[in-house]
Amino acid sequence: MGVVCDQLKFNFLLWHEEDKARDPTADDHQIARVKRSIDLLNQQRNDGIERLDEWIANELARGKVTADADAQPHTETLGSTIDRLGILALRIYHLREQMEREDVDDAHRENVGRKLYVATVQHDDLTHAAQALAEDLAAGRKRHQTVRQLKMYNDPSLNPYLYRQAAVLESQAE
C-alpha cells in the first residue's frame, strides 16, 4: 500500500512546512518560499487522496465488487478518511512530543494532555468509521466514487493571476 505511505509523506512534509510559515523570525522572502512549498504539497496531498480513491476503486473492481442498485456514496471517500487519519496520527505524535518536553510546566502538560485525549478519541472513532466504510464498500452497501478535487490555484489556465501574468509576459515578449 505505497499509496497510503505516499499520503502520509505529503502530510508529514506539509505539517512541517506549515510550522515554518509560523516562524516569527522568518522574513518575507522565506515566507513566500514556504507558501509556494505549501501550495505544491497541498496539491500533491489532494492528488494523493484521488490516487487513494482510484486504488480503492481498482481493488473493488478487481474483487468484482459492485454496489447495490440503491447504494449511496458516503459523505466522505475512504481516501479522504485515510488522509484525515494520517493527519490525526501526526497530531497525536506531536502532542506526545509536547508532553515529553522538559522545558514546560505542569499546566502546559495538562493542557496538552486534554488535547491528546481528544485527538486519541477522534482517531479511534475515525478508525472505526473507516473500517465500517471499508466493510460497506466491500459488501456493496455503499457506492465508492473518486471525488475529483478540481483544484484551480495551481493551474495556469484557471488561476486568473497566473493566466493574466502569462498574457502580460507573452505580450512583452512580442
Protein backbone atom coordinates (compact mmCIF):
# COMPACT_ATOMS: atom_id res chain seq x y z
CA MET A 1 0.00 0.00 0.00
CA GLY A 2 2.59 2.50 -1.12
CA VAL A 3 -0.18 4.96 -1.98
CA VAL A 4 -1.07 5.24 1.73
CA CYS A 5 2.59 5.75 2.66
CA ASP A 6 2.86 8.46 0.00
CA GLN A 7 -0.16 10.20 1.51
CA LEU A 8 1.41 10.08 4.96
CA LYS A 9 4.59 11.54 3.49
CA PHE A 10 2.74 14.50 1.96
CA ASN A 11 1.02 15.21 5.27
CA PHE A 12 4.31 14.92 7.18
CA LEU A 13 6.06 17.36 4.83
CA LEU A 14 3.09 19.71 4.81
CA TRP A 15 2.90 19.71 8.62
CA HIS A 16 6.50 20.84 8.90
CA GLU A 17 6.20 23.46 6.15
CA GLU A 18 3.20 24.90 7.99
CA ASP A 19 5.40 25.15 11.11
CA LYS A 20 7.98 27.11 9.12
CA ALA A 21 5.30 29.52 7.90
CA ARG A 22 4.60 30.49 11.51
CA ASP A 23 8.20 31.33 12.38
CA PRO A 24 8.07 34.90 13.71
CA THR A 25 11.70 35.47 12.67
CA ALA A 26 11.13 34.47 9.02
CA ASP A 27 11.46 37.30 6.54
CA ASP A 28 9.05 37.93 3.67
CA HIS A 29 11.23 36.05 1.18
CA GLN A 30 11.29 32.95 3.41
CA ILE A 31 7.53 33.11 3.97
CA ALA A 32 6.89 33.41 0.22
CA ARG A 33 9.10 30.39 -0.46
CA VAL A 34 7.36 28.37 2.26
CA LYS A 35 3.93 29.42 0.96
CA ARG A 36 4.81 28.15 -2.51
CA SER A 37 6.04 24.92 -0.99
CA ILE A 38 2.79 24.59 0.99
CA ASP A 39 0.77 25.15 -2.20
CA LEU A 40 2.71 22.43 -4.01
CA LEU A 41 2.39 20.00 -1.10
CA ASN A 42 -1.33 20.73 -0.78
CA GLN A 43 -1.75 19.94 -4.47
CA GLN A 44 0.21 16.70 -4.01
CA ARG A 45 -1.87 15.87 -0.94
CA ASN A 46 -5.13 16.37 -2.84
CA ASP A 47 -3.81 14.42 -5.82
CA GLY A 48 -2.80 11.70 -3.36
CA ILE A 49 -6.33 11.47 -1.97
CA GLU A 50 -7.57 10.93 -5.51
CA ARG A 51 -4.91 8.25 -6.05
CA LEU A 52 -6.07 6.53 -2.84
CA ASP A 53 -9.65 6.56 -4.09
CA GLU A 54 -8.58 5.29 -7.51
CA TRP A 55 -6.63 2.48 -5.83
CA ILE A 56 -9.72 1.59 -3.77
CA ALA A 57 -11.88 1.65 -6.91
CA ASN A 58 -9.41 -0.65 -8.67
CA GLU A 59 -9.34 -3.05 -5.72
CA LEU A 60 -13.13 -3.17 -5.62
CA ALA A 61 -13.23 -3.82 -9.37
CA ARG A 62 -10.51 -6.46 -9.08
CA GLY A 63 -12.61 -8.17 -6.41
CA LYS A 64 -15.65 -7.86 -8.68
CA VAL A 65 -17.47 -5.87 -6.00
CA THR A 66 -20.47 -3.98 -7.29
CA ALA A 67 -22.57 -1.62 -5.25
CA ASP A 68 -26.21 -2.44 -4.61
CA ALA A 69 -28.52 -0.62 -7.01
CA ASP A 70 -29.74 1.67 -4.24
CA ALA A 71 -26.34 2.11 -2.55
CA GLN A 72 -25.49 5.71 -1.82
CA PRO A 73 -22.00 7.17 -1.68
CA HIS A 74 -20.64 8.09 1.73
CA THR A 75 -20.31 11.79 2.55
CA GLU A 76 -16.53 11.37 2.53
CA THR A 77 -14.46 8.98 0.48
CA LEU A 78 -12.36 6.31 2.12
CA GLY A 79 -9.28 8.04 0.66
CA SER A 80 -10.24 11.28 2.44
CA THR A 81 -10.78 9.35 5.65
CA ILE A 82 -7.36 7.73 5.37
CA ASP A 83 -5.88 11.20 4.80
CA ARG A 84 -7.60 12.53 7.94
CA LEU A 85 -6.38 9.53 9.94
CA GLY A 86 -2.83 10.35 8.87
CA ILE A 87 -3.22 13.95 9.99
CA LEU A 88 -4.63 12.84 13.33
CA ALA A 89 -1.71 10.43 13.75
CA LEU A 90 0.69 13.32 13.17
CA ARG A 91 -1.19 15.46 15.67
CA ILE A 92 -1.04 12.69 18.28
CA TYR A 93 2.67 12.20 17.66
CA HIS A 94 3.39 15.90 18.10
CA LEU A 95 1.16 16.20 21.16
CA ARG A 96 3.04 13.29 22.77
CA GLU A 97 6.26 15.06 21.88
CA GLN A 98 4.95 18.14 23.71
CA MET A 99 4.11 16.01 26.76
CA GLU A 100 7.75 14.87 26.95
CA ARG A 101 9.30 18.33 26.83
CA GLU A 102 11.45 19.12 29.84
CA ASP A 103 11.21 22.89 29.46
CA VAL A 104 7.47 23.17 30.21
CA ASP A 105 5.42 23.31 33.39
CA ASP A 106 2.62 21.06 34.61
CA ALA A 107 -0.08 23.43 33.31
CA HIS A 108 1.33 23.02 29.79
CA ARG A 109 1.34 19.23 30.15
CA GLU A 110 -2.23 19.23 31.47
CA ASN A 111 -3.40 21.38 28.56
CA VAL A 112 -1.60 19.16 26.06
CA GLY A 113 -2.90 16.06 27.85
CA ARG A 114 -6.50 17.20 27.33
CA LYS A 115 -5.81 17.79 23.64
CA LEU A 116 -4.06 14.44 23.35
CA TYR A 117 -7.06 12.70 24.88
CA VAL A 118 -9.45 14.36 22.42
CA ALA A 119 -7.20 13.60 19.45
CA THR A 120 -6.87 9.96 20.51
CA VAL A 121 -10.64 9.56 20.88
CA GLN A 122 -11.15 11.20 17.48
CA HIS A 123 -8.55 8.88 15.93
CA ASP A 124 -10.21 5.82 17.46
CA ASP A 125 -13.67 6.95 16.32
CA LEU A 126 -12.44 7.73 12.81
CA THR A 127 -10.60 4.39 12.64
CA HIS A 128 -13.84 2.55 13.44
CA ALA A 129 -15.78 4.69 10.94
CA ALA A 130 -13.16 3.98 8.25
CA GLN A 131 -13.36 0.26 8.96
CA ALA A 132 -17.16 0.35 8.74
CA LEU A 133 -16.99 2.28 5.47
CA ALA A 134 -14.47 -0.19 4.04
CA GLU A 135 -16.77 -3.06 5.02
CA ASP A 136 -19.79 -1.30 3.50
CA LEU A 137 -17.87 -0.70 0.26
CA ALA A 138 -16.69 -4.31 0.12
CA ALA A 139 -20.24 -5.56 0.71
CA GLY A 140 -21.73 -3.16 -1.86
CA ARG A 141 -23.83 -1.34 0.77
CA LYS A 142 -22.07 1.94 -0.08
CA ARG A 143 -21.08 3.15 -3.52
CA HIS A 144 -17.45 4.16 -3.95
CA GLN A 145 -16.53 7.09 -6.09
CA THR A 146 -13.38 9.06 -6.60
CA VAL A 147 -14.12 12.67 -5.80
CA ARG A 148 -12.08 14.98 -8.01
CA GLN A 149 -10.85 17.98 -6.06
CA LEU A 150 -10.60 20.14 -9.19
CA LYS A 151 -8.15 22.50 -7.51
CA MET A 152 -7.71 25.63 -9.58
CA TYR A 153 -4.99 27.56 -7.78
CA ASN A 154 -2.02 25.78 -9.37
CA ASP A 155 -3.50 25.55 -12.86
CA PRO A 156 -2.10 28.34 -15.08
CA SER A 157 -5.18 28.17 -17.30
CA LEU A 158 -7.67 28.55 -14.41
CA ASN A 159 -5.99 30.85 -11.86
CA PRO A 160 -6.62 34.46 -13.01
CA TYR A 161 -3.35 35.69 -11.54
CA LEU A 162 -1.39 33.05 -13.41
CA TYR A 163 -3.05 33.38 -16.81
CA ARG A 164 -3.08 37.17 -16.67
CA GLN A 165 0.61 37.21 -15.77
CA ALA A 166 1.34 34.78 -18.59
CA ALA A 167 -0.53 37.05 -21.01
CA VAL A 168 1.47 40.07 -19.84
CA LEU A 169 4.75 38.20 -20.23
CA GLU A 170 3.70 36.96 -23.67
CA SER A 171 2.81 40.47 -24.85
CA GLN A 172 6.13 41.80 -23.52
CA ALA A 173 7.99 39.12 -25.43
CA GLU A 174 6.39 40.15 -28.72
